[in-house]
N, C-alpha and C. Protein backbone atom coordinates (compact mmCIF):
# COMPACT_ATOMS: atom_id res chain seq x y z
N MET A 1 25.90 -66.34 -27.25
CA MET A 1 26.37 -65.24 -26.57
C MET A 1 26.85 -64.46 -27.73
N ARG A 2 27.18 -64.68 -28.95
CA ARG A 2 28.31 -64.10 -30.09
C ARG A 2 27.04 -63.47 -30.97
N ARG A 3 25.59 -64.07 -31.00
CA ARG A 3 25.01 -63.53 -31.69
C ARG A 3 23.68 -62.10 -30.75
N ALA A 4 23.82 -62.98 -29.70
CA ALA A 4 23.25 -61.89 -28.70
C ALA A 4 23.21 -60.46 -28.65
N LEU A 5 25.46 -60.46 -28.94
CA LEU A 5 25.67 -59.16 -28.94
C LEU A 5 25.47 -59.48 -30.33
N ASN A 6 25.58 -59.49 -31.31
CA ASN A 6 25.12 -59.08 -32.69
C ASN A 6 23.83 -58.51 -33.47
N PHE A 7 22.96 -58.71 -32.60
CA PHE A 7 21.91 -58.67 -32.52
C PHE A 7 21.45 -57.04 -31.79
N ILE A 8 20.54 -56.05 -33.40
CA ILE A 8 20.36 -55.05 -33.69
C ILE A 8 18.54 -54.91 -32.63
N ASP A 9 18.49 -54.53 -31.42
CA ASP A 9 16.81 -55.21 -31.24
C ASP A 9 16.28 -53.54 -31.10
N SER A 10 17.16 -52.44 -31.00
CA SER A 10 16.33 -50.71 -31.42
C SER A 10 17.31 -50.17 -31.89
N LEU A 11 16.65 -48.95 -32.63
CA LEU A 11 17.29 -47.79 -33.39
C LEU A 11 16.79 -46.46 -33.00
N LYS A 12 17.07 -45.48 -33.51
CA LYS A 12 16.44 -44.23 -33.11
C LYS A 12 15.69 -43.95 -34.72
N ASN A 13 15.02 -43.50 -34.98
CA ASN A 13 14.70 -42.54 -36.04
C ASN A 13 15.22 -41.67 -36.16
N GLU A 14 14.47 -40.63 -37.18
CA GLU A 14 15.29 -39.10 -37.55
C GLU A 14 14.72 -38.49 -36.27
N ASN A 15 13.78 -39.01 -36.13
CA ASN A 15 13.08 -37.46 -34.43
C ASN A 15 13.87 -37.93 -33.31
N GLY A 16 14.60 -38.95 -33.51
CA GLY A 16 15.30 -39.63 -31.86
C GLY A 16 14.54 -40.17 -31.23
N VAL A 17 13.38 -41.05 -31.75
CA VAL A 17 12.64 -41.74 -31.02
C VAL A 17 13.26 -43.04 -31.27
N GLN A 18 12.75 -44.20 -29.89
CA GLN A 18 13.46 -45.27 -29.67
C GLN A 18 12.87 -46.48 -30.41
N GLN A 19 13.19 -46.98 -31.69
CA GLN A 19 12.41 -47.84 -32.23
C GLN A 19 12.69 -49.27 -31.80
N THR A 20 11.61 -50.25 -31.81
CA THR A 20 11.91 -51.57 -31.74
C THR A 20 11.06 -52.65 -32.63
N ASP A 21 10.12 -51.75 -33.32
CA ASP A 21 9.35 -52.80 -34.26
C ASP A 21 10.40 -53.64 -35.23
N PRO A 22 10.25 -54.70 -35.96
CA PRO A 22 11.43 -54.88 -36.81
C PRO A 22 11.05 -54.25 -38.11
N SER A 23 9.60 -54.02 -38.64
CA SER A 23 9.61 -53.62 -40.15
C SER A 23 10.25 -51.74 -39.57
N LYS A 24 9.67 -50.87 -38.23
CA LYS A 24 10.41 -49.93 -38.65
C LYS A 24 11.50 -49.81 -38.57
N LEU A 25 12.63 -50.74 -37.87
CA LEU A 25 13.81 -50.86 -37.78
C LEU A 25 14.24 -50.81 -39.59
N ARG A 26 13.46 -51.00 -40.18
CA ARG A 26 14.38 -51.99 -41.59
C ARG A 26 13.76 -51.01 -42.05
N HIS A 27 12.89 -50.01 -41.88
CA HIS A 27 12.61 -48.60 -42.42
C HIS A 27 13.46 -47.14 -42.18
N ILE A 28 14.08 -47.92 -41.04
CA ILE A 28 14.93 -46.58 -40.73
C ILE A 28 16.89 -46.81 -40.95
N VAL A 29 16.70 -48.07 -41.33
CA VAL A 29 18.29 -48.70 -42.27
C VAL A 29 18.06 -48.19 -43.32
N THR A 30 16.91 -48.74 -44.03
CA THR A 30 16.53 -47.78 -45.85
C THR A 30 16.69 -46.65 -45.90
N ASN A 31 16.26 -45.97 -45.16
CA ASN A 31 16.23 -44.79 -44.94
C ASN A 31 17.22 -44.02 -44.73
N LEU A 32 18.09 -44.37 -44.10
CA LEU A 32 19.63 -43.96 -43.43
C LEU A 32 20.70 -44.23 -44.87
N PHE A 33 21.01 -45.43 -45.94
CA PHE A 33 21.34 -45.81 -46.89
C PHE A 33 20.86 -45.20 -47.89
N GLY A 34 19.87 -44.98 -47.82
CA GLY A 34 18.81 -44.42 -48.84
C GLY A 34 19.52 -43.05 -48.82
N ASN A 35 19.55 -42.28 -48.33
CA ASN A 35 19.76 -40.71 -47.70
C ASN A 35 21.13 -40.39 -47.86
N LEU A 36 22.22 -41.24 -47.70
CA LEU A 36 23.49 -41.32 -47.38
C LEU A 36 24.37 -41.25 -49.03
N PHE A 37 24.15 -41.36 -49.63
CA PHE A 37 24.37 -41.31 -50.95
C PHE A 37 23.84 -40.40 -51.87
N LEU A 38 22.61 -39.43 -51.07
CA LEU A 38 21.60 -38.59 -51.61
C LEU A 38 22.40 -37.43 -51.97
N SER A 39 22.14 -36.58 -52.93
CA SER A 39 22.60 -35.20 -53.39
C SER A 39 21.50 -34.59 -53.44
N LEU A 40 21.76 -33.63 -52.33
CA LEU A 40 20.94 -32.66 -51.95
C LEU A 40 21.52 -31.29 -52.62
N GLY A 41 21.78 -31.06 -54.01
CA GLY A 41 21.96 -30.16 -54.73
C GLY A 41 23.49 -29.37 -54.21
N LEU A 42 24.02 -28.82 -54.93
CA LEU A 42 25.66 -28.32 -54.45
C LEU A 42 25.21 -26.92 -53.50
N SER A 43 25.74 -27.24 -52.13
CA SER A 43 26.16 -26.18 -51.20
C SER A 43 27.56 -25.44 -51.09
N HIS A 44 28.23 -24.42 -51.40
CA HIS A 44 28.86 -23.47 -51.03
C HIS A 44 30.00 -23.75 -51.65
N MET A 45 29.79 -24.77 -52.64
CA MET A 45 30.43 -25.35 -54.32
C MET A 45 32.05 -24.01 -54.87
N GLU A 46 30.82 -22.66 -54.75
CA GLU A 46 32.24 -21.38 -55.01
C GLU A 46 33.59 -21.53 -53.86
N GLU A 47 32.57 -21.48 -52.63
CA GLU A 47 33.75 -21.39 -51.64
C GLU A 47 34.83 -22.89 -51.56
N ALA A 48 34.23 -23.84 -51.91
CA ALA A 48 35.57 -25.23 -52.26
C ALA A 48 36.07 -24.93 -53.64
N LEU A 49 35.59 -24.34 -54.44
CA LEU A 49 36.72 -23.91 -55.91
C LEU A 49 37.79 -23.19 -55.32
N GLY A 50 36.97 -22.16 -54.68
CA GLY A 50 38.18 -20.86 -54.34
C GLY A 50 39.43 -21.45 -54.09
N CYS A 51 39.27 -22.42 -53.20
CA CYS A 51 40.55 -23.12 -52.85
C CYS A 51 41.71 -23.75 -53.27
N ILE A 52 41.00 -23.66 -54.83
CA ILE A 52 41.98 -25.27 -55.69
C ILE A 52 41.74 -23.67 -57.25
N GLU A 53 43.65 -24.45 -57.03
CA GLU A 53 44.28 -23.44 -58.14
C GLU A 53 43.62 -24.05 -59.53
N PRO A 54 43.30 -23.12 -60.21
CA PRO A 54 43.09 -23.93 -61.86
C PRO A 54 44.38 -24.30 -62.72
N ARG A 55 44.52 -25.26 -63.79
CA ARG A 55 45.18 -25.91 -64.22
C ARG A 55 45.42 -26.05 -65.23
N VAL A 56 44.01 -25.58 -65.83
CA VAL A 56 43.68 -25.29 -67.45
C VAL A 56 43.16 -23.70 -67.53
N SER A 57 43.89 -23.08 -68.65
CA SER A 57 43.56 -22.43 -69.00
C SER A 57 42.73 -22.45 -69.89
N GLU A 58 42.13 -20.74 -69.82
CA GLU A 58 41.06 -20.47 -70.71
C GLU A 58 41.11 -20.89 -71.73
N ALA A 59 42.08 -20.71 -72.95
CA ALA A 59 42.25 -21.27 -74.57
C ALA A 59 42.65 -23.07 -73.72
N MET A 60 42.85 -23.50 -72.92
CA MET A 60 42.74 -24.54 -72.93
C MET A 60 41.46 -24.90 -72.60
N ASN A 61 40.47 -24.49 -72.08
CA ASN A 61 39.12 -25.33 -72.01
C ASN A 61 38.27 -25.14 -73.07
N ASP A 62 38.59 -23.84 -74.19
CA ASP A 62 37.86 -23.36 -75.32
C ASP A 62 38.38 -24.23 -76.00
N TRP A 63 39.57 -25.07 -75.97
CA TRP A 63 40.16 -26.15 -77.27
C TRP A 63 39.46 -27.43 -76.59
N LEU A 64 39.27 -27.60 -75.53
CA LEU A 64 38.75 -28.85 -74.96
C LEU A 64 37.32 -28.71 -75.12
N CYS A 65 36.35 -27.85 -75.65
CA CYS A 65 35.05 -27.67 -75.51
C CYS A 65 34.53 -27.64 -76.81
N ALA A 66 35.62 -27.22 -78.16
CA ALA A 66 35.24 -27.43 -79.14
C ALA A 66 34.91 -28.35 -79.62
N PRO A 67 33.71 -27.94 -80.79
CA PRO A 67 33.36 -29.34 -81.45
C PRO A 67 34.34 -30.15 -81.99
N TYR A 68 33.94 -31.82 -82.08
CA TYR A 68 35.06 -32.71 -83.23
C TYR A 68 35.01 -32.13 -83.99
N THR A 69 36.15 -32.69 -85.00
CA THR A 69 35.86 -32.10 -86.43
C THR A 69 36.60 -33.71 -86.77
N ARG A 70 36.44 -33.67 -88.65
CA ARG A 70 36.77 -34.66 -89.21
C ARG A 70 38.14 -35.09 -89.25
N ARG A 71 38.98 -34.23 -89.22
CA ARG A 71 40.28 -34.24 -89.25
C ARG A 71 40.96 -34.99 -87.53
N GLU A 72 39.88 -35.28 -86.45
CA GLU A 72 40.18 -35.70 -85.33
C GLU A 72 39.69 -37.28 -85.19
N VAL A 73 38.45 -37.06 -86.23
CA VAL A 73 38.22 -38.82 -86.09
C VAL A 73 39.41 -39.60 -87.08
N GLU A 74 39.68 -38.65 -88.46
CA GLU A 74 40.95 -39.36 -89.23
C GLU A 74 41.89 -39.94 -88.13
N GLN A 75 42.63 -38.88 -87.49
CA GLN A 75 43.37 -39.00 -86.75
C GLN A 75 43.07 -40.48 -85.49
N ALA A 76 42.21 -40.35 -85.06
CA ALA A 76 41.97 -41.80 -84.47
C ALA A 76 41.94 -42.86 -84.82
N LEU A 77 41.09 -42.85 -86.25
CA LEU A 77 40.98 -44.20 -86.46
C LEU A 77 42.58 -44.68 -86.66
N HIS A 78 43.65 -43.90 -87.12
CA HIS A 78 45.08 -44.11 -87.53
C HIS A 78 46.03 -44.14 -86.42
N GLN A 79 44.87 -43.74 -85.24
CA GLN A 79 45.92 -44.56 -83.95
C GLN A 79 45.36 -45.74 -83.54
N MET A 80 44.73 -46.50 -84.38
CA MET A 80 44.23 -47.71 -84.08
C MET A 80 45.02 -49.02 -84.72
N HIS A 81 45.14 -50.00 -83.65
CA HIS A 81 46.00 -51.03 -84.65
C HIS A 81 45.10 -51.66 -85.97
N GLN A 82 45.96 -51.91 -86.91
CA GLN A 82 45.01 -51.98 -87.73
C GLN A 82 44.24 -53.86 -88.16
N HIS A 83 44.83 -54.43 -87.14
CA HIS A 83 44.55 -55.77 -87.32
C HIS A 83 43.86 -56.34 -86.22
N LYS A 84 43.15 -55.17 -85.02
CA LYS A 84 42.78 -55.35 -83.73
C LYS A 84 41.10 -55.83 -84.76
N VAL A 85 40.29 -56.46 -83.46
CA VAL A 85 38.90 -55.90 -83.27
C VAL A 85 37.79 -55.94 -84.59
N PRO A 86 37.55 -56.76 -84.95
CA PRO A 86 37.48 -56.32 -86.20
C PRO A 86 35.75 -56.00 -86.46
N CYS A 87 34.77 -55.24 -86.52
CA CYS A 87 34.20 -54.59 -86.30
C CYS A 87 32.91 -55.12 -86.90
N PRO A 88 30.96 -54.92 -86.76
CA PRO A 88 30.30 -56.27 -86.58
C PRO A 88 30.04 -56.68 -88.21
N ASP A 89 30.77 -56.12 -89.31
CA ASP A 89 30.66 -56.19 -90.93
C ASP A 89 32.64 -56.66 -91.09
N GLY A 90 33.34 -57.97 -90.34
CA GLY A 90 33.96 -58.19 -90.04
C GLY A 90 35.25 -57.40 -90.66
N MET A 91 35.03 -56.17 -91.14
CA MET A 91 36.32 -55.17 -91.12
C MET A 91 36.76 -54.52 -90.31
N ASN A 92 38.53 -54.82 -90.31
CA ASN A 92 38.77 -54.32 -89.01
C ASN A 92 39.24 -52.75 -89.42
N ALA A 93 40.17 -52.16 -88.47
CA ALA A 93 40.52 -50.79 -88.97
C ALA A 93 41.38 -50.33 -90.05
N PHE A 94 42.47 -51.71 -90.45
CA PHE A 94 42.68 -51.75 -91.43
C PHE A 94 41.96 -51.03 -92.88
N PHE A 95 41.32 -51.86 -92.98
CA PHE A 95 40.16 -51.35 -94.23
C PHE A 95 39.43 -50.21 -94.23
N PHE A 96 39.69 -49.34 -93.02
CA PHE A 96 39.16 -48.05 -92.86
C PHE A 96 40.15 -47.18 -93.23
N GLN A 97 41.09 -47.16 -93.00
CA GLN A 97 42.29 -46.82 -92.55
C GLN A 97 42.86 -46.77 -94.51
N ARG A 98 42.64 -48.07 -94.92
CA ARG A 98 43.34 -47.46 -96.33
C ARG A 98 42.22 -47.03 -97.40
N PHE A 99 41.08 -47.38 -96.93
CA PHE A 99 40.27 -46.56 -97.76
C PHE A 99 39.39 -45.81 -97.48
N TRP A 100 40.17 -44.64 -96.31
CA TRP A 100 39.94 -43.39 -96.35
C TRP A 100 39.42 -42.34 -96.91
N HIS A 101 40.15 -42.73 -98.17
CA HIS A 101 39.88 -41.70 -99.32
C HIS A 101 38.28 -41.54 -99.61
N ILE A 102 38.24 -42.99 -99.75
CA ILE A 102 36.70 -43.29 -100.36
C ILE A 102 35.79 -43.24 -99.23
N MET A 103 35.81 -43.44 -97.93
CA MET A 103 34.83 -43.59 -97.20
C MET A 103 34.95 -42.63 -96.36
N GLY A 104 35.76 -41.52 -95.84
CA GLY A 104 36.07 -40.80 -94.81
C GLY A 104 35.12 -39.96 -94.49
N ASP A 105 34.07 -39.60 -95.80
CA ASP A 105 33.20 -38.30 -95.44
C ASP A 105 32.27 -38.80 -94.70
N ASP A 106 31.77 -40.61 -95.48
CA ASP A 106 30.45 -40.50 -94.87
C ASP A 106 30.64 -41.20 -93.50
N LEU A 107 32.20 -42.20 -93.36
CA LEU A 107 32.68 -42.07 -91.99
C LEU A 107 32.46 -41.16 -90.89
N SER A 108 33.03 -40.29 -91.22
CA SER A 108 33.11 -38.96 -90.65
C SER A 108 32.14 -38.51 -89.83
N ALA A 109 31.07 -38.26 -90.75
CA ALA A 109 30.11 -37.66 -90.94
C ALA A 109 28.87 -39.02 -89.96
N VAL A 110 28.86 -40.15 -89.50
CA VAL A 110 28.37 -40.84 -88.78
C VAL A 110 28.73 -40.78 -87.57
N VAL A 111 30.50 -40.68 -87.22
CA VAL A 111 30.92 -40.26 -86.11
C VAL A 111 30.81 -39.03 -85.28
N LEU A 112 31.06 -38.57 -85.46
CA LEU A 112 30.62 -36.98 -85.81
C LEU A 112 29.11 -36.86 -84.77
N ALA A 113 27.79 -37.01 -85.71
CA ALA A 113 26.57 -37.62 -85.90
C ALA A 113 26.86 -38.16 -83.96
N ILE A 114 27.50 -39.16 -83.50
CA ILE A 114 27.36 -40.08 -82.55
C ILE A 114 28.05 -39.08 -81.47
N LEU A 115 28.90 -38.03 -81.27
CA LEU A 115 29.34 -37.47 -80.38
C LEU A 115 28.84 -36.57 -80.15
N GLU A 116 27.63 -36.01 -81.28
CA GLU A 116 26.98 -34.69 -80.85
C GLU A 116 25.88 -35.32 -80.38
N GLY A 117 25.51 -36.90 -80.07
CA GLY A 117 24.21 -36.94 -79.23
C GLY A 117 23.35 -37.68 -80.03
N HIS A 118 23.28 -37.51 -81.43
CA HIS A 118 22.83 -38.61 -82.19
C HIS A 118 22.53 -39.54 -81.61
N PRO A 119 21.29 -40.82 -81.91
CA PRO A 119 21.38 -41.81 -81.43
C PRO A 119 22.03 -43.12 -82.18
N ILE A 120 23.13 -43.71 -81.68
CA ILE A 120 24.04 -44.63 -82.88
C ILE A 120 22.72 -45.66 -83.59
N PRO A 121 23.33 -45.50 -84.86
CA PRO A 121 22.24 -46.81 -85.73
C PRO A 121 22.66 -47.83 -84.78
N PRO A 122 21.12 -48.77 -85.17
CA PRO A 122 20.97 -49.85 -84.14
C PRO A 122 22.64 -50.90 -85.32
N SER A 123 22.30 -50.77 -86.59
CA SER A 123 23.48 -51.72 -87.10
C SER A 123 24.65 -51.72 -86.86
N LEU A 124 25.19 -50.24 -85.78
CA LEU A 124 26.45 -50.08 -85.13
C LEU A 124 26.64 -50.53 -84.31
N ASN A 125 25.32 -51.10 -83.47
CA ASN A 125 25.52 -51.76 -82.20
C ASN A 125 25.00 -53.01 -81.86
N HIS A 126 25.87 -53.48 -82.65
CA HIS A 126 25.87 -54.97 -82.20
C HIS A 126 26.81 -55.66 -81.89
N THR A 127 26.27 -56.80 -81.30
CA THR A 127 27.64 -57.56 -79.81
C THR A 127 27.54 -59.02 -80.36
N PHE A 128 28.57 -59.21 -80.95
CA PHE A 128 28.61 -60.89 -81.14
C PHE A 128 29.45 -61.70 -79.97
N VAL A 129 28.93 -62.82 -79.59
CA VAL A 129 29.57 -63.45 -78.87
C VAL A 129 29.99 -64.81 -79.17
N ALA A 130 31.35 -64.90 -79.78
CA ALA A 130 32.19 -66.78 -80.06
C ALA A 130 31.77 -67.09 -78.91
N LEU A 131 31.99 -68.64 -79.29
CA LEU A 131 31.71 -69.59 -78.39
C LEU A 131 32.64 -70.30 -78.88
N ILE A 132 33.82 -70.16 -77.97
CA ILE A 132 34.70 -71.13 -78.03
C ILE A 132 35.49 -72.52 -77.60
N PRO A 133 34.51 -73.84 -78.24
CA PRO A 133 35.13 -75.03 -77.25
C PRO A 133 36.16 -75.18 -76.49
N LYS A 134 36.17 -76.11 -75.19
CA LYS A 134 37.04 -75.69 -75.06
C LYS A 134 38.15 -77.33 -75.38
N LYS A 135 37.02 -78.14 -75.58
CA LYS A 135 37.96 -79.24 -76.30
C LYS A 135 37.18 -80.04 -77.95
N PRO A 136 38.24 -80.29 -78.60
CA PRO A 136 37.45 -81.27 -79.73
C PRO A 136 36.52 -82.00 -79.93
N LYS A 137 35.82 -81.67 -81.32
CA LYS A 137 34.73 -82.68 -80.56
C LYS A 137 35.63 -83.92 -81.74
């Protein structure tokens, strides 16, 4: 009895025509959910945004949209915990903080290039997986 109640034997397609063929039912459901989250572009966006009070001033927006600087890269590096997460080369943030005066120009140039949309150098995009045994051998 429960199966009979939970069974879909027909659906109406987008034209309102009742369909009972299983392949057509599958097509109707696929189209429905495929189109459910499909964006057809922005419509009436200005009308919707007109109801929202801006919180970001022009000056704030200009500052947020400004290009990143070498100084910001240095500040971000010095905000990192010194001994956490070593890089693929085994150096942690402490190394780069300690020797910023030597390598700051090169390091910031690489970081700024990535932030500007240049591809990440393959050597920086390595991932290490460490397998830690649960029991000693």
